[in-house]
PDB file of all heavy atoms in Angstrom:
ATOM      1  N   GLY A   1      38.734  35.746 -26.410  1.00  0.00           N
ATOM      2  CA  GLY A   1      39.254  34.563 -27.057  1.00  0.00           C
ATOM      3  C   GLY A   1      40.403  34.906 -27.995  1.00  0.00           C
ATOM      4  O   GLY A   1      41.457  34.283 -28.008  1.00  0.00           O
ATOM      5  N   MET A   2      40.165  35.935 -28.858  1.00  0.00           N
ATOM      6  CA  MET A   2      41.223  36.394 -29.766  1.00  0.00           C
ATOM      7  C   MET A   2      42.416  36.979 -28.952  1.00  0.00           C
ATOM      8  O   MET A   2      43.552  36.798 -29.331  1.00  0.00           O
ATOM      9  CB  MET A   2      40.657  37.377 -30.757  1.00  0.00           C
ATOM     10  CG  MET A   2      39.634  36.802 -31.692  1.00  0.00           C
ATOM     11  SD  MET A   2      39.037  37.974 -32.928  1.00  0.00           S
ATOM     12  CE  MET A   2      40.530  38.226 -33.881  1.00  0.00           C
ATOM     13  N   ASP A   3      42.083  37.663 -27.896  1.00  0.00           N
ATOM     14  CA  ASP A   3      43.102  38.259 -27.056  1.00  0.00           C
ATOM     15  C   ASP A   3      44.024  37.227 -26.466  1.00  0.00           C
ATOM     16  O   ASP A   3      45.257  37.412 -26.366  1.00  0.00           O
ATOM     17  CB  ASP A   3      42.461  39.105 -25.952  1.00  0.00           C
ATOM     18  CG  ASP A   3      43.457  39.680 -24.980  1.00  0.00           C
ATOM     19  OD1 ASP A   3      44.242  40.527 -25.379  1.00  0.00           O
ATOM     20  OD2 ASP A   3      43.455  39.250 -23.782  1.00  0.00           O
ATOM     21  N   ARG A   4      43.454  36.071 -26.035  1.00  0.00           N
ATOM     22  CA  ARG A   4      44.300  35.025 -25.443  1.00  0.00           C
ATOM     23  C   ARG A   4      45.267  34.461 -26.461  1.00  0.00           C
ATOM     24  O   ARG A   4      46.379  34.060 -26.133  1.00  0.00           O
ATOM     25  CB  ARG A   4      43.399  33.910 -24.887  1.00  0.00           C
ATOM     26  CG  ARG A   4      42.810  34.229 -23.522  1.00  0.00           C
ATOM     27  CD  ARG A   4      42.192  33.041 -22.860  1.00  0.00           C
ATOM     28  NE  ARG A   4      41.011  32.561 -23.551  1.00  0.00           N
ATOM     29  CZ  ARG A   4      39.768  33.045 -23.334  1.00  0.00           C
ATOM     30  NH1 ARG A   4      39.603  34.051 -22.461  1.00  0.00           N
ATOM     31  NH2 ARG A   4      38.702  32.590 -23.958  1.00  0.00           N
ATOM     32  N   LEU A   5      44.865  34.455 -27.756  1.00  0.00           N
ATOM     33  CA  LEU A   5      45.803  34.014 -28.774  1.00  0.00           C
ATOM     34  C   LEU A   5      46.921  35.018 -28.949  1.00  0.00           C
ATOM     35  O   LEU A   5      48.086  34.660 -29.068  1.00  0.00           O
ATOM     36  CB  LEU A   5      45.054  33.858 -30.114  1.00  0.00           C
ATOM     37  CG  LEU A   5      44.278  32.555 -30.304  1.00  0.00           C
ATOM     38  CD1 LEU A   5      43.572  32.586 -31.675  1.00  0.00           C
ATOM     39  CD2 LEU A   5      45.186  31.336 -30.220  1.00  0.00           C
ATOM     40  N   VAL A   6      46.550  36.317 -28.932  1.00  0.00           N
ATOM     41  CA  VAL A   6      47.583  37.354 -29.049  1.00  0.00           C
ATOM     42  C   VAL A   6      48.595  37.258 -27.876  1.00  0.00           C
ATOM     43  O   VAL A   6      49.770  37.458 -28.035  1.00  0.00           O
ATOM     44  CB  VAL A   6      46.942  38.762 -29.118  1.00  0.00           C
ATOM     45  CG1 VAL A   6      48.010  39.863 -29.097  1.00  0.00           C
ATOM     46  CG2 VAL A   6      46.105  38.884 -30.373  1.00  0.00           C
ATOM     47  N   GLN A   7      48.072  36.982 -26.708  1.00  0.00           N
ATOM     48  CA  GLN A   7      48.939  36.862 -25.523  1.00  0.00           C
ATOM     49  C   GLN A   7      49.936  35.734 -25.716  1.00  0.00           C
ATOM     50  O   GLN A   7      51.008  35.728 -25.077  1.00  0.00           O
ATOM     51  CB  GLN A   7      48.101  36.629 -24.256  1.00  0.00           C
ATOM     52  CG  GLN A   7      47.198  37.779 -23.881  1.00  0.00           C
ATOM     53  CD  GLN A   7      47.952  38.989 -23.381  1.00  0.00           C
ATOM     54  OE1 GLN A   7      49.129  38.933 -23.118  1.00  0.00           O
ATOM     55  NE2 GLN A   7      47.259  40.124 -23.277  1.00  0.00           N
ATOM     56  N   ARG A   8      49.601  34.781 -26.536  1.00  0.00           N
ATOM     57  CA  ARG A   8      50.522  33.659 -26.813  1.00  0.00           C
ATOM     58  C   ARG A   8      51.229  33.847 -28.145  1.00  0.00           C
ATOM     59  O   ARG A   8      51.731  32.905 -28.755  1.00  0.00           O
ATOM     60  CB  ARG A   8      49.772  32.328 -26.778  1.00  0.00           C
ATOM     61  CG  ARG A   8      49.440  31.926 -25.331  1.00  0.00           C
ATOM     62  CD  ARG A   8      48.387  30.851 -25.310  1.00  0.00           C
ATOM     63  NE  ARG A   8      48.104  30.443 -23.951  1.00  0.00           N
ATOM     64  CZ  ARG A   8      47.395  31.068 -23.077  1.00  0.00           C
ATOM     65  NH1 ARG A   8      46.814  32.241 -23.410  1.00  0.00           N
ATOM     66  NH2 ARG A   8      47.175  30.595 -21.872  1.00  0.00           N
ATOM     67  N   ASN A   9      51.270  35.122 -28.613  1.00  0.00           N
ATOM     68  CA  ASN A   9      51.964  35.485 -29.822  1.00  0.00           C
ATOM     69  C   ASN A   9      51.407  34.784 -31.085  1.00  0.00           C
ATOM     70  O   ASN A   9      52.138  34.444 -31.984  1.00  0.00           O
ATOM     71  CB  ASN A   9      53.463  35.154 -29.698  1.00  0.00           C
ATOM     72  CG  ASN A   9      54.186  36.181 -28.818  1.00  0.00           C
ATOM     73  OD1 ASN A   9      53.577  37.136 -28.389  1.00  0.00           O
ATOM     74  ND2 ASN A   9      55.429  35.924 -28.590  1.00  0.00           N
ATOM     75  N   VAL A  10      50.091  34.629 -31.127  1.00  0.00           N
ATOM     76  CA  VAL A  10      49.398  34.081 -32.287  1.00  0.00           C
ATOM     77  C   VAL A  10      48.422  35.141 -32.797  1.00  0.00           C
ATOM     78  O   VAL A  10      47.576  35.597 -32.061  1.00  0.00           O
ATOM     79  CB  VAL A  10      48.709  32.736 -31.984  1.00  0.00           C
ATOM     80  CG1 VAL A  10      47.942  32.286 -33.243  1.00  0.00           C
ATOM     81  CG2 VAL A  10      49.655  31.697 -31.525  1.00  0.00           C
ATOM     82  N   LEU A  11      48.555  35.519 -34.047  1.00  0.00           N
ATOM     83  CA  LEU A  11      47.655  36.456 -34.661  1.00  0.00           C
ATOM     84  C   LEU A  11      46.581  35.724 -35.436  1.00  0.00           C
ATOM     85  O   LEU A  11      46.923  35.042 -36.394  1.00  0.00           O
ATOM     86  CB  LEU A  11      48.434  37.412 -35.546  1.00  0.00           C
ATOM     87  CG  LEU A  11      47.578  38.338 -36.468  1.00  0.00           C
ATOM     88  CD1 LEU A  11      46.729  39.286 -35.573  1.00  0.00           C
ATOM     89  CD2 LEU A  11      48.434  39.085 -37.428  1.00  0.00           C
ATOM     90  N   ALA A  12      45.335  35.879 -35.027  1.00  0.00           N
ATOM     91  CA  ALA A  12      44.221  35.266 -35.773  1.00  0.00           C
ATOM     92  C   ALA A  12      43.668  36.318 -36.719  1.00  0.00           C
ATOM     93  O   ALA A  12      43.353  37.432 -36.319  1.00  0.00           O
ATOM     94  CB  ALA A  12      43.120  34.819 -34.789  1.00  0.00           C
ATOM     95  N   MET A  13      43.583  35.927 -37.981  1.00  0.00           N
ATOM     96  CA  MET A  13      43.101  36.874 -39.000  1.00  0.00           C
ATOM     97  C   MET A  13      41.594  37.098 -38.882  1.00  0.00           C
ATOM     98  O   MET A  13      41.083  38.030 -39.495  1.00  0.00           O
ATOM     99  CB  MET A  13      43.435  36.343 -40.398  1.00  0.00           C
ATOM    100  CG  MET A  13      44.945  36.187 -40.618  1.00  0.00           C
ATOM    101  SD  MET A  13      45.847  37.739 -40.355  1.00  0.00           S
ATOM    102  CE  MET A  13      47.496  37.156 -40.659  1.00  0.00           C
ATOM    103  N   SER A  14      40.855  36.229 -38.200  1.00  0.00           N
ATOM    104  CA  SER A  14      39.433  36.406 -38.030  1.00  0.00           C
ATOM    105  C   SER A  14      38.940  35.620 -36.790  1.00  0.00           C
ATOM    106  O   SER A  14      39.586  34.627 -36.367  1.00  0.00           O
ATOM    107  CB  SER A  14      38.686  35.905 -39.260  1.00  0.00           C
ATOM    108  OG  SER A  14      38.767  34.470 -39.334  1.00  0.00           O
ATOM    109  N   GLY A  15      37.838  36.098 -36.218  1.00  0.00           N
ATOM    110  CA  GLY A  15      37.266  35.365 -35.114  1.00  0.00           C
ATOM    111  C   GLY A  15      36.767  33.981 -35.521  1.00  0.00           C
ATOM    112  O   GLY A  15      36.697  33.056 -34.747  1.00  0.00           O
ATOM    113  N   ARG A  16      36.390  33.881 -36.814  1.00  0.00           N
ATOM    114  CA  ARG A  16      35.900  32.613 -37.335  1.00  0.00           C
ATOM    115  C   ARG A  16      37.004  31.526 -37.158  1.00  0.00           C
ATOM    116  O   ARG A  16      36.685  30.372 -36.846  1.00  0.00           O
ATOM    117  CB  ARG A  16      35.549  32.751 -38.805  1.00  0.00           C
ATOM    118  CG  ARG A  16      34.982  31.480 -39.467  1.00  0.00           C
ATOM    119  CD  ARG A  16      34.902  31.682 -40.997  1.00  0.00           C
ATOM    120  NE  ARG A  16      34.063  32.787 -41.324  1.00  0.00           N
ATOM    121  CZ  ARG A  16      32.767  32.656 -41.642  1.00  0.00           C
ATOM    122  NH1 ARG A  16      32.217  31.437 -41.620  1.00  0.00           N
ATOM    123  NH2 ARG A  16      32.045  33.682 -41.983  1.00  0.00           N
ATOM    124  N   ALA A  17      38.257  31.929 -37.351  1.00  0.00           N
ATOM    125  CA  ALA A  17      39.372  30.951 -37.210  1.00  0.00           C
ATOM    126  C   ALA A  17      39.502  30.449 -35.787  1.00  0.00           C
ATOM    127  O   ALA A  17      39.778  29.299 -35.544  1.00  0.00           O
ATOM    128  CB  ALA A  17      40.700  31.581 -37.666  1.00  0.00           C
ATOM    129  N   VAL A  18      39.303  31.369 -34.823  1.00  0.00           N
ATOM    130  CA  VAL A  18      39.381  30.962 -33.406  1.00  0.00           C
ATOM    131  C   VAL A  18      38.288  29.942 -33.078  1.00  0.00           C
ATOM    132  O   VAL A  18      38.556  28.931 -32.398  1.00  0.00           O
ATOM    133  CB  VAL A  18      39.287  32.192 -32.473  1.00  0.00           C
ATOM    134  CG1 VAL A  18      39.500  31.786 -31.016  1.00  0.00           C
ATOM    135  CG2 VAL A  18      40.269  33.279 -32.865  1.00  0.00           C
ATOM    136  N   GLU A  19      37.087  30.231 -33.541  1.00  0.00           N
ATOM    137  CA  GLU A  19      35.972  29.295 -33.286  1.00  0.00           C
ATOM    138  C   GLU A  19      36.213  27.963 -33.984  1.00  0.00           C
ATOM    139  O   GLU A  19      35.942  26.893 -33.407  1.00  0.00           O
ATOM    140  CB  GLU A  19      34.685  29.886 -33.740  1.00  0.00           C
ATOM    141  CG  GLU A  19      34.103  30.895 -32.778  1.00  0.00           C
ATOM    142  CD  GLU A  19      32.700  31.285 -33.153  1.00  0.00           C
ATOM    143  OE1 GLU A  19      32.216  30.855 -34.185  1.00  0.00           O
ATOM    144  OE2 GLU A  19      32.107  32.042 -32.333  1.00  0.00           O
ATOM    145  N   ALA A  20      36.699  28.008 -35.199  1.00  0.00           N
ATOM    146  CA  ALA A  20      36.969  26.798 -35.945  1.00  0.00           C
ATOM    147  C   ALA A  20      37.968  25.923 -35.201  1.00  0.00           C
ATOM    148  O   ALA A  20      37.880  24.703 -35.186  1.00  0.00           O
ATOM    149  CB  ALA A  20      37.442  27.086 -37.380  1.00  0.00           C
ATOM    150  N   ALA A  21      38.963  26.576 -34.565  1.00  0.00           N
ATOM    151  CA  ALA A  21      39.959  25.840 -33.780  1.00  0.00           C
ATOM    152  C   ALA A  21      39.295  25.063 -32.651  1.00  0.00           C
ATOM    153  O   ALA A  21      39.747  23.962 -32.317  1.00  0.00           O
ATOM    154  CB  ALA A  21      41.004  26.812 -33.222  1.00  0.00           C
ATOM    155  N   GLY A  22      38.242  25.603 -32.115  1.00  0.00           N
ATOM    156  CA  GLY A  22      37.550  24.920 -31.036  1.00  0.00           C
ATOM    157  C   GLY A  22      36.756  23.723 -31.501  1.00  0.00           C
ATOM    158  O   GLY A  22      36.366  22.833 -30.710  1.00  0.00           O
ATOM    159  N   ASP A  23      36.446  23.654 -32.808  1.00  0.00           N
ATOM    160  CA  ASP A  23      35.657  22.534 -33.373  1.00  0.00           C
ATOM    161  C   ASP A  23      36.459  21.565 -34.196  1.00  0.00           C
ATOM    162  O   ASP A  23      35.973  20.690 -34.867  1.00  0.00           O
ATOM    163  CB  ASP A  23      34.515  23.083 -34.222  1.00  0.00           C
ATOM    164  CG  ASP A  23      33.412  23.700 -33.379  1.00  0.00           C
ATOM    165  OD1 ASP A  23      33.177  23.193 -32.262  1.00  0.00           O
ATOM    166  OD2 ASP A  23      32.785  24.675 -33.840  1.00  0.00           O
ATOM    167  N   VAL A  24      37.802  21.709 -34.155  1.00  0.00           N
ATOM    168  CA  VAL A  24      38.683  20.877 -34.968  1.00  0.00           C
ATOM    169  C   VAL A  24      38.552  19.409 -34.629  1.00  0.00           C
ATOM    170  O   VAL A  24      38.517  19.043 -33.426  1.00  0.00           O
ATOM    171  CB  VAL A  24      40.158  21.354 -34.830  1.00  0.00           C
ATOM    172  CG1 VAL A  24      41.126  20.266 -35.258  1.00  0.00           C
ATOM    173  CG2 VAL A  24      40.382  22.612 -35.625  1.00  0.00           C
ATOM    174  N   ASN A  25      38.479  18.565 -35.672  1.00  0.00           N
ATOM    175  CA  ASN A  25      38.446  17.126 -35.473  1.00  0.00           C
ATOM    176  C   ASN A  25      39.711  16.421 -35.846  1.00  0.00           C
ATOM    177  O   ASN A  25      40.019  15.358 -35.353  1.00  0.00           O
ATOM    178  CB  ASN A  25      37.303  16.520 -36.316  1.00  0.00           C
ATOM    179  CG  ASN A  25      35.972  17.217 -36.167  1.00  0.00           C
ATOM    180  OD1 ASN A  25      35.543  17.927 -37.070  1.00  0.00           O
ATOM    181  ND2 ASN A  25      35.350  17.024 -35.012  1.00  0.00           N
ATOM    182  N   VAL A  26      40.461  17.013 -36.798  1.00  0.00           N
ATOM    183  CA  VAL A  26      41.691  16.407 -37.307  1.00  0.00           C
ATOM    184  C   VAL A  26      42.794  17.457 -37.239  1.00  0.00           C
ATOM    185  O   VAL A  26      42.639  18.614 -37.645  1.00  0.00           O
ATOM    186  CB  VAL A  26      41.521  15.936 -38.757  1.00  0.00           C
ATOM    187  CG1 VAL A  26      42.790  15.303 -39.291  1.00  0.00           C
ATOM    188  CG2 VAL A  26      40.364  14.961 -38.872  1.00  0.00           C
ATOM    189  N   LEU A  27      43.948  17.021 -36.756  1.00  0.00           N
ATOM    190  CA  LEU A  27      45.126  17.840 -36.585  1.00  0.00           C
ATOM    191  C   LEU A  27      46.262  17.296 -37.418  1.00  0.00           C
ATOM    192  O   LEU A  27      46.700  16.158 -37.235  1.00  0.00           O
ATOM    193  CB  LEU A  27      45.527  17.897 -35.106  1.00  0.00           C
ATOM    194  CG  LEU A  27      46.153  19.160 -34.530  1.00  0.00           C
ATOM    195  CD1 LEU A  27      45.316  20.365 -34.786  1.00  0.00           C
ATOM    196  CD2 LEU A  27      46.396  18.968 -33.064  1.00  0.00           C
ATOM    197  N   LEU A  28      46.737  18.069 -38.443  1.00  0.00           N
ATOM    198  CA  LEU A  28      47.848  17.662 -39.243  1.00  0.00           C
ATOM    199  C   LEU A  28      49.114  18.356 -38.716  1.00  0.00           C
ATOM    200  O   LEU A  28      49.186  19.574 -38.625  1.00  0.00           O
ATOM    201  CB  LEU A  28      47.644  18.078 -40.695  1.00  0.00           C
ATOM    202  CG  LEU A  28      47.015  17.053 -41.653  1.00  0.00           C
ATOM    203  CD1 LEU A  28      45.613  16.679 -41.143  1.00  0.00           C
ATOM    204  CD2 LEU A  28      46.897  17.618 -43.032  1.00  0.00           C
ATOM    205  N   LEU A  29      50.100  17.551 -38.348  1.00  0.00           N
ATOM    206  CA  LEU A  29      51.364  18.132 -37.774  1.00  0.00           C
ATOM    207  C   LEU A  29      52.538  17.607 -38.595  1.00  0.00           C
ATOM    208  O   LEU A  29      52.706  16.423 -38.815  1.00  0.00           O
ATOM    209  CB  LEU A  29      51.520  17.721 -36.310  1.00  0.00           C
ATOM    210  CG  LEU A  29      50.414  18.175 -35.353  1.00  0.00           C
ATOM    211  CD1 LEU A  29      49.644  16.962 -34.860  1.00  0.00           C
ATOM    212  CD2 LEU A  29      50.960  18.931 -34.183  1.00  0.00           C
ATOM    213  N   ASP A  30      53.403  18.569 -38.954  1.00  0.00           N
ATOM    214  CA  ASP A  30      54.614  18.227 -39.646  1.00  0.00           C
ATOM    215  C   ASP A  30      55.548  17.504 -38.645  1.00  0.00           C
ATOM    216  O   ASP A  30      55.638  17.895 -37.488  1.00  0.00           O
ATOM    217  CB  ASP A  30      55.302  19.509 -40.167  1.00  0.00           C
ATOM    218  CG  ASP A  30      56.493  19.182 -41.009  1.00  0.00           C
ATOM    219  OD1 ASP A  30      56.419  18.278 -41.850  1.00  0.00           O
ATOM    220  OD2 ASP A  30      57.569  19.800 -40.787  1.00  0.00           O
ATOM    221  N   LYS A  31      56.182  16.482 -39.114  1.00  0.00           N
ATOM    222  CA  LYS A  31      57.068  15.683 -38.198  1.00  0.00           C
ATOM    223  C   LYS A  31      58.252  16.504 -37.718  1.00  0.00           C
ATOM    224  O   LYS A  31      58.464  16.671 -36.537  1.00  0.00           O
ATOM    225  CB  LYS A  31      57.540  14.415 -38.891  1.00  0.00           C
ATOM    226  CG  LYS A  31      58.359  13.487 -37.983  1.00  0.00           C
ATOM    227  CD  LYS A  31      59.315  12.587 -38.768  1.00  0.00           C
ATOM    228  CE  LYS A  31      60.495  13.401 -39.283  1.00  0.00           C
ATOM    229  NZ  LYS A  31      61.561  12.568 -39.889  1.00  0.00           N
ATOM    230  N   THR A  32      59.014  17.019 -38.698  1.00  0.00           N
ATOM    231  CA  THR A  32      60.296  17.657 -38.381  1.00  0.00           C
ATOM    232  C   THR A  32      60.071  19.022 -37.692  1.00  0.00           C
ATOM    233  O   THR A  32      59.431  19.890 -38.246  1.00  0.00           O
ATOM    234  CB  THR A  32      61.127  17.858 -39.653  1.00  0.00           C
ATOM    235  OG1 THR A  32      61.275  16.601 -40.302  1.00  0.00           O
ATOM    236  CG2 THR A  32      62.489  18.427 -39.304  1.00  0.00           C
ATOM    237  N   GLY A  33      60.613  19.129 -36.517  1.00  0.00           N
ATOM    238  CA  GLY A  33      60.502  20.379 -35.743  1.00  0.00           C
ATOM    239  C   GLY A  33      59.213  20.495 -34.961  1.00  0.00           C
ATOM    240  O   GLY A  33      59.098  21.365 -34.085  1.00  0.00           O
ATOM    241  N   THR A  34      58.231  19.644 -35.228  1.00  0.00           N
ATOM    242  CA  THR A  34      56.999  19.683 -34.457  1.00  0.00           C
ATOM    243  C   THR A  34      56.919  18.488 -33.507  1.00  0.00           C
ATOM    244  O   THR A  34      56.869  18.647 -32.293  1.00  0.00           O
ATOM    245  CB  THR A  34      55.779  19.656 -35.404  1.00  0.00           C
ATOM    246  OG1 THR A  34      55.879  20.714 -36.361  1.00  0.00           O
ATOM    247  CG2 THR A  34      54.473  19.787 -34.624  1.00  0.00           C
ATOM    248  N   ILE A  35      56.942  17.317 -34.085  1.00  0.00           N
ATOM    249  CA  ILE A  35      56.910  16.075 -33.269  1.00  0.00           C
ATOM    250  C   ILE A  35      58.322  15.694 -32.873  1.00  0.00           C
ATOM    251  O   ILE A  35      58.526  15.201 -31.732  1.00  0.00           O
ATOM    252  CB  ILE A  35      56.218  14.953 -34.054  1.00  0.00           C
ATOM    253  CG1 ILE A  35      54.730  15.342 -34.306  1.00  0.00           C
ATOM    254  CG2 ILE A  35      56.288  13.629 -33.331  1.00  0.00           C
ATOM    255  CD1 ILE A  35      54.022  14.388 -35.222  1.00  0.00           C
ATOM    256  N   THR A  36      59.269  15.880 -33.742  1.00  0.00           N
ATOM    257  CA  THR A  36      60.670  15.556 -33.459  1.00  0.00           C
ATOM    258  C   THR A  36      61.504  16.830 -33.407  1.00  0.00           C
ATOM    259  O   THR A  36      61.064  17.909 -33.837  1.00  0.00           O
ATOM    260  CB  THR A  36      61.247  14.599 -34.520  1.00  0.00           C
ATOM    261  OG1 THR A  36      61.337  15.315 -35.759  1.00  0.00           O
ATOM    262  CG2 THR A  36      60.391  13.373 -34.696  1.00  0.00           C
ATOM    263  N   PHE A  37      62.713  16.719 -32.903  1.00  0.00           N
ATOM    264  CA  PHE A  37      63.575  17.891 -32.819  1.00  0.00           C
ATOM    265  C   PHE A  37      64.078  18.348 -34.208  1.00  0.00           C
ATOM    266  O   PHE A  37      64.533  19.463 -34.362  1.00  0.00           O
ATOM    267  CB  PHE A  37      64.770  17.602 -31.932  1.00  0.00           C
ATOM    268  CG  PHE A  37      64.452  17.618 -30.463  1.00  0.00           C
ATOM    269  CD1 PHE A  37      64.314  16.424 -29.775  1.00  0.00           C
ATOM    270  CD2 PHE A  37      64.208  18.813 -29.807  1.00  0.00           C
ATOM    271  CE1 PHE A  37      63.986  16.407 -28.428  1.00  0.00           C
ATOM    272  CE2 PHE A  37      63.895  18.805 -28.441  1.00  0.00           C
ATOM    273  CZ  PHE A  37      63.774  17.614 -27.749  1.00  0.00           C
ATOM    274  N   GLY A  38      64.039  17.475 -35.161  1.00  0.00           N
ATOM    275  CA  GLY A  38      64.416  17.845 -36.507  1.00  0.00           C
ATOM    276  C   GLY A  38      65.772  17.299 -36.899  1.00  0.00           C
ATOM    277  O   GLY A  38      65.959  16.674 -37.956  1.00  0.00           O
TER     278      GLY A  38
END
């Protein structure tokens, strides 16, 4: 699971973070550059 993140150029500082991502209920996204082109 952590390896798949690395393959996508994401470094997880702990396995706990990977698992927490699987249980996320709320996603906060910055508008500029994320939802819009900026």
